[in-house]
C-alpha cells in the first residue's frame, strides 16, 4: 500500500483547520455539515426566519411561507447537496444548496444558492459555504459552478468574485461562473476530512448540551430537596 504523501497529509489536516478557523473568525461554534432529509424541519425554520428583503435576494422573488415550505419539501438530497452551519444551540444559522444539473451533451453544471442569518453576516460564513460547495461539485465532476443572482445582491456576487468567478450582468440579474479543476486524490481527501471533522465537532457540541441539561436537572432536584429539608426540619 502506498504511504500518504505530504499533500495527502495536508489535505487530512485541512478539515480540522477549517473548523478551527471558522470558529475563530466568527466567534461562534461553527460546523458545516452535509445535510439530509432529517434536517428539513430545521432548514424550514431557518428560511422562514428570513425577512422580506432577504427572501427576495435568496429566491429572486418575495417567497411566501408556503413557497418556502414547498421549496424545502422538494430538496433533493440524493442528486444535489445541501450544507448547513450550526450554532452552539444546534440551530441552522446558514445553509447552501448545490443543485447539480446533469446533461447528456456535456459535464454536469452546479448551481449555488446560500442564505445566512442576519446576525452572522460579515464573518465569511457565506464564503466558507461557497468553498465547501465548490469542493463537493469538483469531486462530483462538475466543471462549472454558477450563481444566478439579482444584480443588487452584492454580497453573493462578492463571494463569487473573491474566489475567481467571472460575473456577467444581464439587466436586473447577474450570473457568476467559476471554472473548477478536475478532481484528484487531494480534493477527495480534503472533502472527507472536512466532513469528518465537522461531524466530530457537531457531536461534541451535542454531547456538551446533553451534559448541561443533565446538570441543570440535578441542580433543580438538589434545590427542591434542600427547600423540602428546611420546611421539614424542626
Protein backbone atom coordinates (compact mmCIF):
# COMPACT_ATOMS: atom_id res chain seq x y z
CA UNK A 1 0.00 0.00 0.00
CA UNK A 2 1.30 3.45 -0.88
CA UNK A 3 2.10 5.71 2.03
CA UNK A 4 0.36 9.09 2.22
CA UNK A 5 2.31 11.89 0.60
CA UNK A 6 2.85 15.29 2.17
CA UNK A 7 -0.04 16.63 0.06
CA UNK A 8 -2.34 13.89 1.35
CA UNK A 9 -1.40 14.68 4.97
CA UNK A 10 -2.04 18.36 4.33
CA UNK A 11 -5.47 17.52 2.98
CA UNK A 12 -6.32 15.49 6.08
CA UNK A 13 -5.30 18.37 8.32
CA UNK A 14 -7.28 20.89 6.29
CA UNK A 15 -10.64 19.75 7.61
CA UNK A 16 -9.73 20.36 11.24
CA UNK A 17 -8.06 23.66 10.37
CA UNK A 18 -11.21 24.83 8.56
CA UNK A 19 -13.36 24.16 11.64
CA UNK A 20 -10.92 25.96 13.94
CA UNK A 21 -10.55 28.90 11.54
CA UNK A 22 -14.31 29.29 11.20
CA UNK A 23 -14.88 29.27 14.95
CA UNK A 24 -12.10 31.81 15.44
CA UNK A 25 -13.31 34.13 12.68
CA UNK A 26 -16.97 34.13 13.70
CA UNK A 27 -16.70 33.85 17.47
CA UNK A 28 -19.36 31.10 17.45
CA UNK A 29 -19.30 27.32 17.32
CA UNK A 30 -19.28 26.66 13.58
CA UNK A 31 -19.93 23.32 11.96
CA UNK A 32 -20.50 22.95 8.21
CA UNK A 33 -22.10 19.61 7.53
CA UNK A 34 -23.71 17.85 4.62
CA UNK A 35 -27.40 17.65 5.48
CA UNK A 36 -30.07 15.05 4.82
CA UNK A 37 -33.86 14.65 4.87
CA UNK A 38 -33.86 14.57 8.68
CA UNK A 39 -32.83 18.24 8.67
CA UNK A 40 -35.82 19.50 6.68
CA UNK A 41 -37.60 20.99 9.69
CA UNK A 42 -34.54 22.92 10.84
CA UNK A 43 -33.91 24.13 7.29
CA UNK A 44 -37.52 25.29 7.05
CA UNK A 45 -37.20 27.16 10.34
CA UNK A 46 -34.04 28.93 9.16
CA UNK A 47 -35.53 30.04 5.85
CA UNK A 48 -38.85 31.12 7.34
CA UNK A 49 -36.93 33.41 9.70
CA UNK A 50 -35.58 35.42 6.73
CA UNK A 51 -37.02 38.90 6.32
CA UNK A 52 -38.82 40.01 3.15
CA UNK A 53 -35.75 41.64 1.59
CA UNK A 54 -33.60 38.59 2.31
CA UNK A 55 -36.17 36.26 0.78
CA UNK A 56 -36.16 38.44 -2.34
CA UNK A 57 -32.39 38.20 -2.68
CA UNK A 58 -32.25 34.47 -1.92
CA UNK A 59 -35.02 33.30 -4.25
CA UNK A 60 -35.29 36.16 -6.73
CA UNK A 61 -38.82 36.91 -5.55
CA UNK A 62 -40.53 37.55 -2.22
CA UNK A 63 -41.20 33.93 -1.31
CA UNK A 64 -44.20 33.33 0.94
CA UNK A 65 -44.12 30.93 3.88
CA UNK A 66 -45.96 28.37 1.77
CA UNK A 67 -43.47 28.70 -1.11
CA UNK A 68 -40.53 28.29 1.26
CA UNK A 69 -42.10 25.23 2.84
CA UNK A 70 -42.67 23.74 -0.62
CA UNK A 71 -39.04 24.50 -1.58
CA UNK A 72 -37.73 22.67 1.48
CA UNK A 73 -40.03 19.71 0.80
CA UNK A 74 -38.65 19.47 -2.76
CA UNK A 75 -34.98 19.47 -1.77
CA UNK A 76 -33.24 16.53 -3.44
CA UNK A 77 -30.67 15.18 -1.00
CA UNK A 78 -29.65 12.36 -3.35
CA UNK A 79 -28.67 14.17 -6.54
CA UNK A 80 -27.99 17.61 -5.04
CA UNK A 81 -26.06 18.63 -1.93
CA UNK A 82 -27.22 20.75 0.97
CA UNK A 83 -24.83 22.11 3.60
CA UNK A 84 -25.65 23.72 6.92
CA UNK A 85 -23.90 25.81 9.55
CA UNK A 86 -24.93 25.17 13.14
CA UNK A 87 -24.54 27.39 16.17
CA UNK A 88 -23.97 26.25 19.75
CA UNK A 89 -27.67 25.53 20.15
CA UNK A 90 -27.50 23.32 17.05
CA UNK A 91 -29.82 25.64 15.14
CA UNK A 92 -29.13 26.07 11.44
CA UNK A 93 -27.95 29.65 11.00
CA UNK A 94 -26.80 29.34 7.39
CA UNK A 95 -27.40 26.93 4.56
CA UNK A 96 -26.24 26.36 0.99
CA UNK A 97 -27.95 24.42 -1.77
CA UNK A 98 -25.84 22.99 -4.57
CA UNK A 99 -28.12 21.84 -7.38
CA UNK A 100 -26.28 19.58 -9.81
CA UNK A 101 -27.78 19.75 -13.28
CA UNK A 102 -26.76 16.76 -15.38
CA UNK A 103 -26.66 16.93 -19.16
CA UNK A 104 -26.42 14.28 -21.85
CA UNK A 105 -24.36 16.63 -24.01
CA UNK A 106 -21.65 17.55 -21.52
CA UNK A 107 -20.46 17.53 -17.92
CA UNK A 108 -22.85 18.47 -15.11
CA UNK A 109 -23.22 22.09 -14.03
CA UNK A 110 -23.55 23.18 -10.42
CA UNK A 111 -25.94 25.94 -9.32
CA UNK A 112 -25.25 27.53 -5.92
CA UNK A 113 -27.58 29.33 -3.54
CA UNK A 114 -26.93 30.45 0.03
CA UNK A 115 -28.59 32.17 2.98
CA UNK A 116 -27.08 33.38 6.25
CA UNK A 117 -28.89 34.63 9.35
CA UNK A 118 -28.63 38.46 9.58
CA UNK A 119 -26.83 38.39 12.94
CA UNK A 120 -23.97 36.32 11.48
CA UNK A 121 -23.28 38.16 8.26
CA UNK A 122 -19.92 39.76 7.64
CA UNK A 123 -17.99 36.85 9.18
CA UNK A 124 -17.20 34.96 5.99
CA UNK A 125 -19.72 32.16 6.53
CA UNK A 126 -21.20 32.56 3.04
CA UNK A 127 -17.72 32.28 1.56
CA UNK A 128 -16.99 29.15 3.57
CA UNK A 129 -20.18 27.56 2.29
CA UNK A 130 -19.26 28.52 -1.27
CA UNK A 131 -15.85 26.86 -0.88
CA UNK A 132 -17.43 23.74 0.60
CA UNK A 133 -19.96 23.51 -2.22
CA UNK A 134 -17.26 24.10 -4.86
CA UNK A 135 -15.15 21.28 -3.42
CA UNK A 136 -18.07 18.87 -3.49
CA UNK A 137 -19.03 19.96 -7.01
CA UNK A 138 -15.47 19.41 -8.20
CA UNK A 139 -15.41 15.89 -6.76
CA UNK A 140 -18.73 15.16 -8.49
CA UNK A 141 -17.22 16.01 -11.86
CA UNK A 142 -18.83 19.45 -12.18
CA UNK A 143 -16.70 21.70 -14.37
CA UNK A 144 -18.59 24.97 -13.88
CA UNK A 145 -20.16 26.29 -10.69
CA UNK A 146 -22.65 29.05 -11.38
CA UNK A 147 -24.62 31.55 -9.35
CA UNK A 148 -27.72 33.24 -10.68
CA UNK A 149 -28.48 36.28 -8.55
CA UNK A 150 -30.11 39.66 -8.71
CA UNK A 151 -27.68 42.42 -9.66
CA UNK A 152 -28.24 44.14 -6.31
CA UNK A 153 -27.18 41.03 -4.40
CA UNK A 154 -23.71 42.48 -3.86
CA UNK A 155 -22.78 40.07 -1.06
CA UNK A 156 -23.41 36.98 -3.17
CA UNK A 157 -21.54 38.35 -6.17
CA UNK A 158 -18.64 39.44 -3.97
CA UNK A 159 -18.31 35.89 -2.64
CA UNK A 160 -18.00 34.58 -6.20
CA UNK A 161 -15.63 37.29 -7.43
CA UNK A 162 -13.31 36.87 -4.45
CA UNK A 163 -12.85 33.23 -5.40
CA UNK A 164 -12.11 33.84 -9.05
CA UNK A 165 -15.54 33.62 -10.64
CA UNK A 166 -16.40 35.60 -13.76
CA UNK A 167 -19.54 37.73 -13.38
CA UNK A 168 -21.82 38.74 -16.27
CA UNK A 169 -24.72 41.13 -15.85
CA UNK A 170 -27.94 40.75 -17.81
CA UNK A 171 -30.33 43.56 -16.96
CA UNK A 172 -31.55 43.12 -13.40
CA UNK A 173 -29.81 39.75 -13.00
CA UNK A 174 -26.21 38.62 -12.85
CA UNK A 175 -24.55 35.28 -13.45
CA UNK A 176 -21.25 34.19 -11.94
CA UNK A 177 -19.24 31.30 -13.36
CA UNK A 178 -16.38 29.53 -11.61
CA UNK A 179 -14.31 27.04 -13.60
CA UNK A 180 -13.49 24.04 -11.41
CA UNK A 181 -10.40 21.86 -11.80
CA UNK A 182 -10.71 18.11 -12.23
CA UNK A 183 -10.98 16.09 -9.02
CA UNK A 184 -7.91 14.37 -7.64
CA UNK A 185 -6.89 12.41 -4.57
CA UNK A 186 -6.16 15.56 -2.59
CA UNK A 187 -9.57 17.12 -3.29
CA UNK A 188 -11.35 13.91 -2.30
CA UNK A 189 -9.35 13.54 0.90
CA UNK A 190 -9.98 17.18 1.74
CA UNK A 191 -13.74 16.72 1.46
CA UNK A 192 -13.69 13.51 3.51
CA UNK A 193 -11.56 15.13 6.20
CA UNK A 194 -13.74 18.24 6.29
CA UNK A 195 -16.91 16.20 6.73
CA UNK A 196 -15.27 14.03 9.41
CA UNK A 197 -14.12 16.99 11.49
CA UNK A 198 -17.45 18.79 11.06
CA UNK A 199 -19.28 15.67 12.22
CA UNK A 200 -16.96 15.29 15.19
CA UNK A 201 -17.37 18.94 16.14
CA UNK A 202 -21.16 18.64 15.88
CA UNK A 203 -21.15 15.54 18.10
CA UNK A 204 -19.05 17.29 20.75
CA UNK A 205 -21.41 20.26 20.81
CA UNK A 206 -24.43 17.93 21.04
CA UNK A 207 -22.85 15.97 23.91
CA UNK A 208 -21.99 19.15 25.79
CA UNK A 209 -25.60 20.30 25.51
CA UNK A 210 -26.79 16.98 26.93
CA UNK A 211 -24.45 17.32 29.91
CA UNK A 212 -25.54 20.91 30.52
CA UNK A 213 -29.20 19.88 30.54
CA UNK A 214 -28.44 16.99 32.89
CA UNK A 215 -26.56 19.31 35.22
CA UNK A 216 -29.46 21.74 35.24
CA UNK A 217 -31.78 18.86 36.12
CA UNK A 218 -29.57 17.74 39.02
CA UNK A 219 -29.33 21.27 40.33
CA UNK A 220 -33.10 21.67 40.19
CA UNK A 221 -33.62 18.41 42.11
CA UNK A 222 -30.99 19.41 44.67
CA UNK A 223 -32.59 22.82 45.19
CA UNK A 224 -36.01 21.26 45.77
CA UNK A 225 -34.54 18.73 48.16
CA UNK A 226 -32.82 21.46 50.19
CA UNK A 227 -36.02 23.51 50.27
CA UNK A 228 -38.03 20.49 51.42
CA UNK A 229 -35.48 19.69 54.12
CA UNK A 230 -35.73 23.22 55.50
CA UNK A 231 -39.53 23.03 55.64
CA UNK A 232 -39.49 19.67 57.40
CA UNK A 233 -36.71 20.49 59.87
CA UNK A 234 -37.90 21.30 63.47
